[in-house]
Amino acid sequence: GIRRRNIITDPGLGFAKTTAHNLQILKEGERFAGMLGGPVLWGGSRKRFIQDVAGVEVAAERDAGTHAAHMYAVGKDSTGGSMVRVHDVAGAAQAAKIWDAIRNAEGKGGGGRGKFG
């Protein structure tokens, strides 16, 4: 058989879901993190729900919304096993580094390395 830790859960953002469905899935991301005991793949890159919320019609211009949604979802995953599927890899890496630095900040000027190294 396949070990649970080798199974990736993909909640299917954007597929046959309303904007409200997608937002609720992102909001309750920790439920997916523990569902099968393995990592979660967040694939909200440039999806229509970002257009609906942010009012950005051109898909290629939805990267900021993508990064915000993904960082929220990753932040809800206490297992540390989240993955993201993106179009803008450099932007996602930058967002992840900032999120991680904030999460690991110590006091006023501290920083640190976390799960995005």
N, C-alpha and C. Protein backbone atom coordinates (compact mmCIF):
# COMPACT_ATOMS: atom_id res chain seq x y z
N GLY A 1 0.80 -1.18 0.00
CA GLY A 1 0.00 0.00 0.00
C GLY A 1 0.85 1.25 0.00
N ILE A 2 0.18 2.35 -0.08
CA ILE A 2 0.84 3.66 -0.08
C ILE A 2 0.75 4.24 1.32
N ARG A 3 1.86 4.69 1.84
CA ARG A 3 1.88 5.31 3.17
C ARG A 3 1.15 6.64 3.11
N ARG A 4 0.42 6.95 4.17
CA ARG A 4 -0.36 8.20 4.21
C ARG A 4 0.51 9.42 3.99
N ARG A 5 1.73 9.43 4.53
CA ARG A 5 2.60 10.60 4.37
C ARG A 5 3.01 10.82 2.92
N ASN A 6 2.79 9.81 2.07
CA ASN A 6 3.11 9.93 0.65
C ASN A 6 1.93 10.33 -0.21
N ILE A 7 0.81 10.61 0.43
CA ILE A 7 -0.39 11.04 -0.29
C ILE A 7 -0.55 12.54 -0.09
N ILE A 8 -0.70 13.27 -1.19
CA ILE A 8 -0.88 14.71 -1.13
C ILE A 8 -2.37 15.01 -1.28
N THR A 9 -2.91 15.77 -0.32
CA THR A 9 -4.31 16.19 -0.38
C THR A 9 -4.40 17.50 -1.16
N ASP A 10 -5.23 17.51 -2.19
CA ASP A 10 -5.46 18.72 -2.98
C ASP A 10 -6.93 19.07 -2.87
N PRO A 11 -7.27 20.15 -2.13
CA PRO A 11 -8.67 20.52 -1.97
C PRO A 11 -9.35 21.00 -3.25
N GLY A 12 -8.61 21.14 -4.34
CA GLY A 12 -9.21 21.49 -5.62
C GLY A 12 -9.75 22.90 -5.71
N LEU A 13 -9.00 23.86 -5.24
CA LEU A 13 -9.45 25.25 -5.32
C LEU A 13 -9.83 25.60 -6.76
N GLY A 14 -10.98 26.23 -6.89
CA GLY A 14 -11.41 26.70 -8.20
C GLY A 14 -12.19 25.71 -9.05
N PHE A 15 -12.16 24.45 -8.71
CA PHE A 15 -12.83 23.44 -9.55
C PHE A 15 -14.24 23.19 -9.05
N ALA A 16 -15.22 23.66 -9.83
CA ALA A 16 -16.65 23.48 -9.54
C ALA A 16 -17.01 24.02 -8.16
N LYS A 17 -16.39 25.15 -7.81
CA LYS A 17 -16.66 25.77 -6.51
C LYS A 17 -16.96 27.25 -6.72
N THR A 18 -17.78 27.79 -5.83
CA THR A 18 -18.04 29.22 -5.84
C THR A 18 -16.90 29.94 -5.11
N THR A 19 -16.89 31.24 -5.22
CA THR A 19 -15.91 32.03 -4.48
C THR A 19 -16.05 31.76 -2.99
N ALA A 20 -17.28 31.71 -2.50
CA ALA A 20 -17.50 31.43 -1.07
C ALA A 20 -16.93 30.08 -0.68
N HIS A 21 -17.10 29.07 -1.53
CA HIS A 21 -16.54 27.74 -1.24
C HIS A 21 -15.02 27.81 -1.12
N ASN A 22 -14.38 28.47 -2.08
CA ASN A 22 -12.92 28.57 -2.08
C ASN A 22 -12.41 29.30 -0.85
N LEU A 23 -13.06 30.38 -0.47
CA LEU A 23 -12.64 31.13 0.72
C LEU A 23 -12.80 30.29 1.98
N GLN A 24 -13.87 29.53 2.06
CA GLN A 24 -14.10 28.68 3.23
C GLN A 24 -13.04 27.57 3.30
N ILE A 25 -12.71 26.99 2.17
CA ILE A 25 -11.67 25.95 2.14
C ILE A 25 -10.34 26.53 2.61
N LEU A 26 -9.99 27.72 2.14
CA LEU A 26 -8.74 28.36 2.57
C LEU A 26 -8.78 28.67 4.06
N LYS A 27 -9.92 29.16 4.52
CA LYS A 27 -10.06 29.53 5.93
C LYS A 27 -9.90 28.33 6.84
N GLU A 28 -10.37 27.18 6.40
CA GLU A 28 -10.32 25.97 7.22
C GLU A 28 -9.21 25.03 6.77
N GLY A 29 -8.12 25.60 6.30
CA GLY A 29 -7.02 24.82 5.75
C GLY A 29 -6.46 23.76 6.68
N GLU A 30 -6.50 24.03 7.99
CA GLU A 30 -5.95 23.05 8.93
C GLU A 30 -6.71 21.73 8.90
N ARG A 31 -7.95 21.76 8.50
CA ARG A 31 -8.73 20.52 8.40
C ARG A 31 -8.16 19.62 7.31
N PHE A 32 -7.71 20.22 6.22
CA PHE A 32 -7.12 19.44 5.14
C PHE A 32 -5.75 18.91 5.52
N ALA A 33 -5.04 19.71 6.31
CA ALA A 33 -3.69 19.31 6.73
C ALA A 33 -3.73 18.00 7.50
N GLY A 34 -4.76 17.78 8.28
CA GLY A 34 -4.83 16.57 9.07
C GLY A 34 -5.68 15.47 8.47
N MET A 35 -6.27 15.72 7.33
CA MET A 35 -7.23 14.78 6.75
C MET A 35 -6.62 13.40 6.49
N LEU A 36 -5.50 13.35 5.82
CA LEU A 36 -4.89 12.06 5.50
C LEU A 36 -3.53 11.89 6.15
N GLY A 37 -3.11 12.89 6.89
CA GLY A 37 -1.82 12.80 7.56
C GLY A 37 -0.62 13.12 6.68
N GLY A 38 -0.88 13.60 5.48
CA GLY A 38 0.21 13.96 4.58
C GLY A 38 0.14 15.42 4.22
N PRO A 39 0.95 15.85 3.27
CA PRO A 39 0.98 17.26 2.89
C PRO A 39 -0.26 17.69 2.12
N VAL A 40 -0.47 19.01 2.09
CA VAL A 40 -1.59 19.60 1.36
C VAL A 40 -1.03 20.45 0.23
N LEU A 41 -1.60 20.31 -0.94
CA LEU A 41 -1.22 21.12 -2.10
C LEU A 41 -2.27 22.20 -2.30
N TRP A 42 -1.83 23.45 -2.20
CA TRP A 42 -2.73 24.59 -2.44
C TRP A 42 -2.47 25.10 -3.85
N GLY A 43 -3.46 24.98 -4.70
CA GLY A 43 -3.32 25.38 -6.10
C GLY A 43 -4.29 26.49 -6.47
N GLY A 44 -4.21 27.60 -5.78
CA GLY A 44 -5.12 28.71 -6.06
C GLY A 44 -4.57 29.74 -7.02
N SER A 45 -3.47 29.42 -7.67
CA SER A 45 -2.77 30.39 -8.50
C SER A 45 -3.66 30.98 -9.60
N ARG A 46 -3.86 32.28 -9.49
CA ARG A 46 -4.59 33.08 -10.50
C ARG A 46 -6.03 32.64 -10.73
N LYS A 47 -6.60 31.94 -9.78
CA LYS A 47 -7.97 31.42 -9.97
C LYS A 47 -9.00 32.54 -9.93
N ARG A 48 -10.18 32.23 -10.43
CA ARG A 48 -11.25 33.22 -10.56
C ARG A 48 -11.70 33.80 -9.23
N PHE A 49 -11.64 33.03 -8.15
CA PHE A 49 -12.07 33.58 -6.86
C PHE A 49 -11.22 34.81 -6.49
N ILE A 50 -9.97 34.84 -6.94
CA ILE A 50 -9.12 36.01 -6.69
C ILE A 50 -9.65 37.20 -7.48
N GLN A 51 -10.08 36.95 -8.71
CA GLN A 51 -10.70 38.00 -9.51
C GLN A 51 -11.94 38.53 -8.81
N ASP A 52 -12.78 37.62 -8.33
CA ASP A 52 -14.03 38.02 -7.70
C ASP A 52 -13.80 38.87 -6.45
N VAL A 53 -12.80 38.52 -5.67
CA VAL A 53 -12.52 39.25 -4.43
C VAL A 53 -11.75 40.54 -4.69
N ALA A 54 -10.71 40.46 -5.52
CA ALA A 54 -9.82 41.61 -5.72
C ALA A 54 -10.20 42.49 -6.91
N GLY A 55 -11.08 41.99 -7.76
CA GLY A 55 -11.49 42.77 -8.92
C GLY A 55 -10.45 42.84 -10.02
N VAL A 56 -9.56 41.86 -10.07
CA VAL A 56 -8.51 41.85 -11.08
C VAL A 56 -8.92 40.87 -12.17
N GLU A 57 -9.28 41.41 -13.33
CA GLU A 57 -9.82 40.56 -14.39
C GLU A 57 -8.77 39.77 -15.15
N VAL A 58 -7.58 40.33 -15.35
CA VAL A 58 -6.53 39.66 -16.12
C VAL A 58 -5.84 38.64 -15.22
N ALA A 59 -5.91 37.37 -15.61
CA ALA A 59 -5.37 36.30 -14.78
C ALA A 59 -3.90 36.51 -14.43
N ALA A 60 -3.09 36.96 -15.37
CA ALA A 60 -1.66 37.14 -15.14
C ALA A 60 -1.37 38.23 -14.11
N GLU A 61 -2.38 39.01 -13.76
CA GLU A 61 -2.19 40.09 -12.78
C GLU A 61 -2.73 39.71 -11.41
N ARG A 62 -3.00 38.44 -11.18
CA ARG A 62 -3.57 37.99 -9.90
C ARG A 62 -2.54 37.35 -8.97
N ASP A 63 -1.26 37.56 -9.25
CA ASP A 63 -0.24 36.90 -8.44
C ASP A 63 -0.23 37.38 -6.99
N ALA A 64 -0.43 38.66 -6.74
CA ALA A 64 -0.44 39.15 -5.36
C ALA A 64 -1.57 38.48 -4.57
N GLY A 65 -2.72 38.36 -5.17
CA GLY A 65 -3.84 37.67 -4.52
C GLY A 65 -3.54 36.20 -4.30
N THR A 66 -2.87 35.59 -5.26
CA THR A 66 -2.45 34.19 -5.14
C THR A 66 -1.56 34.01 -3.92
N HIS A 67 -0.55 34.89 -3.80
CA HIS A 67 0.40 34.77 -2.69
C HIS A 67 -0.29 34.98 -1.34
N ALA A 68 -1.20 35.94 -1.29
CA ALA A 68 -1.92 36.18 -0.03
C ALA A 68 -2.74 34.95 0.37
N ALA A 69 -3.46 34.38 -0.58
CA ALA A 69 -4.29 33.20 -0.29
C ALA A 69 -3.43 32.02 0.14
N HIS A 70 -2.34 31.79 -0.57
CA HIS A 70 -1.47 30.66 -0.25
C HIS A 70 -0.79 30.83 1.11
N MET A 71 -0.33 32.02 1.42
CA MET A 71 0.34 32.22 2.71
C MET A 71 -0.65 32.03 3.85
N TYR A 72 -1.89 32.45 3.65
CA TYR A 72 -2.91 32.21 4.67
C TYR A 72 -3.10 30.71 4.88
N ALA A 73 -3.24 29.98 3.78
CA ALA A 73 -3.46 28.53 3.88
C ALA A 73 -2.26 27.83 4.51
N VAL A 74 -1.07 28.18 4.09
CA VAL A 74 0.13 27.56 4.66
C VAL A 74 0.22 27.87 6.15
N GLY A 75 -0.16 29.08 6.52
CA GLY A 75 -0.14 29.47 7.92
C GLY A 75 -1.10 28.68 8.79
N LYS A 76 -2.14 28.16 8.20
CA LYS A 76 -3.12 27.37 8.94
C LYS A 76 -2.68 25.91 9.11
N ASP A 77 -1.64 25.52 8.42
CA ASP A 77 -1.18 24.12 8.44
C ASP A 77 -0.14 23.95 9.54
N SER A 78 -0.55 23.38 10.64
CA SER A 78 0.36 23.18 11.77
C SER A 78 1.31 22.00 11.55
N THR A 79 1.10 21.22 10.49
CA THR A 79 1.97 20.06 10.24
C THR A 79 3.25 20.46 9.50
N GLY A 80 3.25 21.65 8.89
CA GLY A 80 4.43 22.09 8.14
C GLY A 80 4.57 21.39 6.80
N GLY A 81 3.51 20.76 6.33
CA GLY A 81 3.61 19.98 5.11
C GLY A 81 2.95 20.58 3.89
N SER A 82 2.59 21.84 3.93
CA SER A 82 1.91 22.45 2.80
C SER A 82 2.83 22.68 1.62
N MET A 83 2.24 22.61 0.42
CA MET A 83 2.91 22.95 -0.83
C MET A 83 1.99 23.89 -1.59
N VAL A 84 2.59 24.69 -2.47
CA VAL A 84 1.78 25.57 -3.30
C VAL A 84 2.14 25.35 -4.76
N ARG A 85 1.14 25.49 -5.62
CA ARG A 85 1.36 25.44 -7.07
C ARG A 85 1.11 26.84 -7.58
N VAL A 86 2.12 27.43 -8.20
CA VAL A 86 2.03 28.83 -8.61
C VAL A 86 2.54 29.02 -10.03
N HIS A 87 2.17 30.15 -10.59
CA HIS A 87 2.72 30.58 -11.87
C HIS A 87 3.96 31.46 -11.63
N ASP A 88 3.89 32.29 -10.60
CA ASP A 88 4.96 33.25 -10.27
C ASP A 88 5.83 32.67 -9.15
N VAL A 89 6.81 31.86 -9.52
CA VAL A 89 7.65 31.17 -8.54
C VAL A 89 8.47 32.16 -7.72
N ALA A 90 9.08 33.14 -8.36
CA ALA A 90 9.91 34.11 -7.64
C ALA A 90 9.08 34.90 -6.63
N GLY A 91 7.91 35.32 -7.02
CA GLY A 91 7.02 36.05 -6.12
C GLY A 91 6.55 35.20 -4.95
N ALA A 92 6.26 33.94 -5.23
CA ALA A 92 5.84 33.02 -4.16
C ALA A 92 6.97 32.78 -3.18
N ALA A 93 8.18 32.63 -3.69
CA ALA A 93 9.34 32.42 -2.81
C ALA A 93 9.56 33.64 -1.93
N GLN A 94 9.43 34.83 -2.50
CA GLN A 94 9.59 36.05 -1.72
C GLN A 94 8.51 36.16 -0.65
N ALA A 95 7.27 35.89 -1.01
CA ALA A 95 6.18 35.94 -0.04
C ALA A 95 6.40 34.93 1.08
N ALA A 96 6.87 33.73 0.74
CA ALA A 96 7.11 32.69 1.73
C ALA A 96 8.23 33.09 2.70
N LYS A 97 9.27 33.70 2.17
CA LYS A 97 10.39 34.13 3.03
C LYS A 97 9.94 35.21 4.01
N ILE A 98 9.13 36.15 3.54
CA ILE A 98 8.64 37.21 4.42
C ILE A 98 7.71 36.62 5.47
N TRP A 99 6.79 35.77 5.05
CA TRP A 99 5.86 35.12 5.98
C TRP A 99 6.63 34.35 7.04
N ASP A 100 7.63 33.61 6.60
CA ASP A 100 8.42 32.80 7.52
C ASP A 100 9.22 33.67 8.49
N ALA A 101 9.78 34.77 8.02
CA ALA A 101 10.53 35.66 8.90
C ALA A 101 9.63 36.27 9.95
N ILE A 102 8.43 36.66 9.56
CA ILE A 102 7.47 37.22 10.53
C ILE A 102 7.09 36.15 11.55
N ARG A 103 6.81 34.96 11.08
CA ARG A 103 6.41 33.87 11.97
C ARG A 103 7.50 33.54 12.98
N ASN A 104 8.74 33.65 12.58
CA ASN A 104 9.86 33.27 13.43
C ASN A 104 10.57 34.44 14.10
N ALA A 105 10.01 35.65 13.95
CA ALA A 105 10.66 36.82 14.53
C ALA A 105 10.72 36.71 16.04
N GLU A 106 11.84 37.14 16.58
CA GLU A 106 12.04 37.13 18.03
C GLU A 106 12.22 38.57 18.49
N GLY A 107 11.32 39.04 19.30
CA GLY A 107 11.45 40.39 19.83
C GLY A 107 11.42 41.44 18.73
N LYS A 108 12.21 42.50 18.92
CA LYS A 108 12.20 43.63 17.98
C LYS A 108 12.90 43.34 16.66
N GLY A 109 14.14 42.93 16.71
CA GLY A 109 14.89 42.83 15.47
C GLY A 109 15.25 41.43 15.08
N GLY A 110 14.64 40.46 15.74
CA GLY A 110 15.01 39.07 15.49
C GLY A 110 14.53 38.57 14.16
N GLY A 111 15.05 37.50 13.80
CA GLY A 111 14.64 36.85 12.57
C GLY A 111 14.88 35.37 12.75
N GLY A 112 15.02 34.72 11.71
CA GLY A 112 15.30 33.31 11.85
C GLY A 112 14.96 32.58 10.58
N ARG A 113 15.33 31.37 10.58
CA ARG A 113 15.03 30.52 9.42
C ARG A 113 13.99 29.52 9.86
N GLY A 114 12.99 29.37 9.03
CA GLY A 114 11.92 28.43 9.35
C GLY A 114 11.77 27.42 8.24
N LYS A 115 10.54 27.05 7.96
CA LYS A 115 10.33 25.96 7.03
C LYS A 115 10.60 26.29 5.57
N PHE A 116 10.82 27.56 5.23
CA PHE A 116 11.15 27.91 3.85
C PHE A 116 12.64 28.18 3.67
N GLY A 117 13.42 28.04 4.74
CA GLY A 117 14.87 28.13 4.72
C GLY A 117 15.40 29.33 4.06
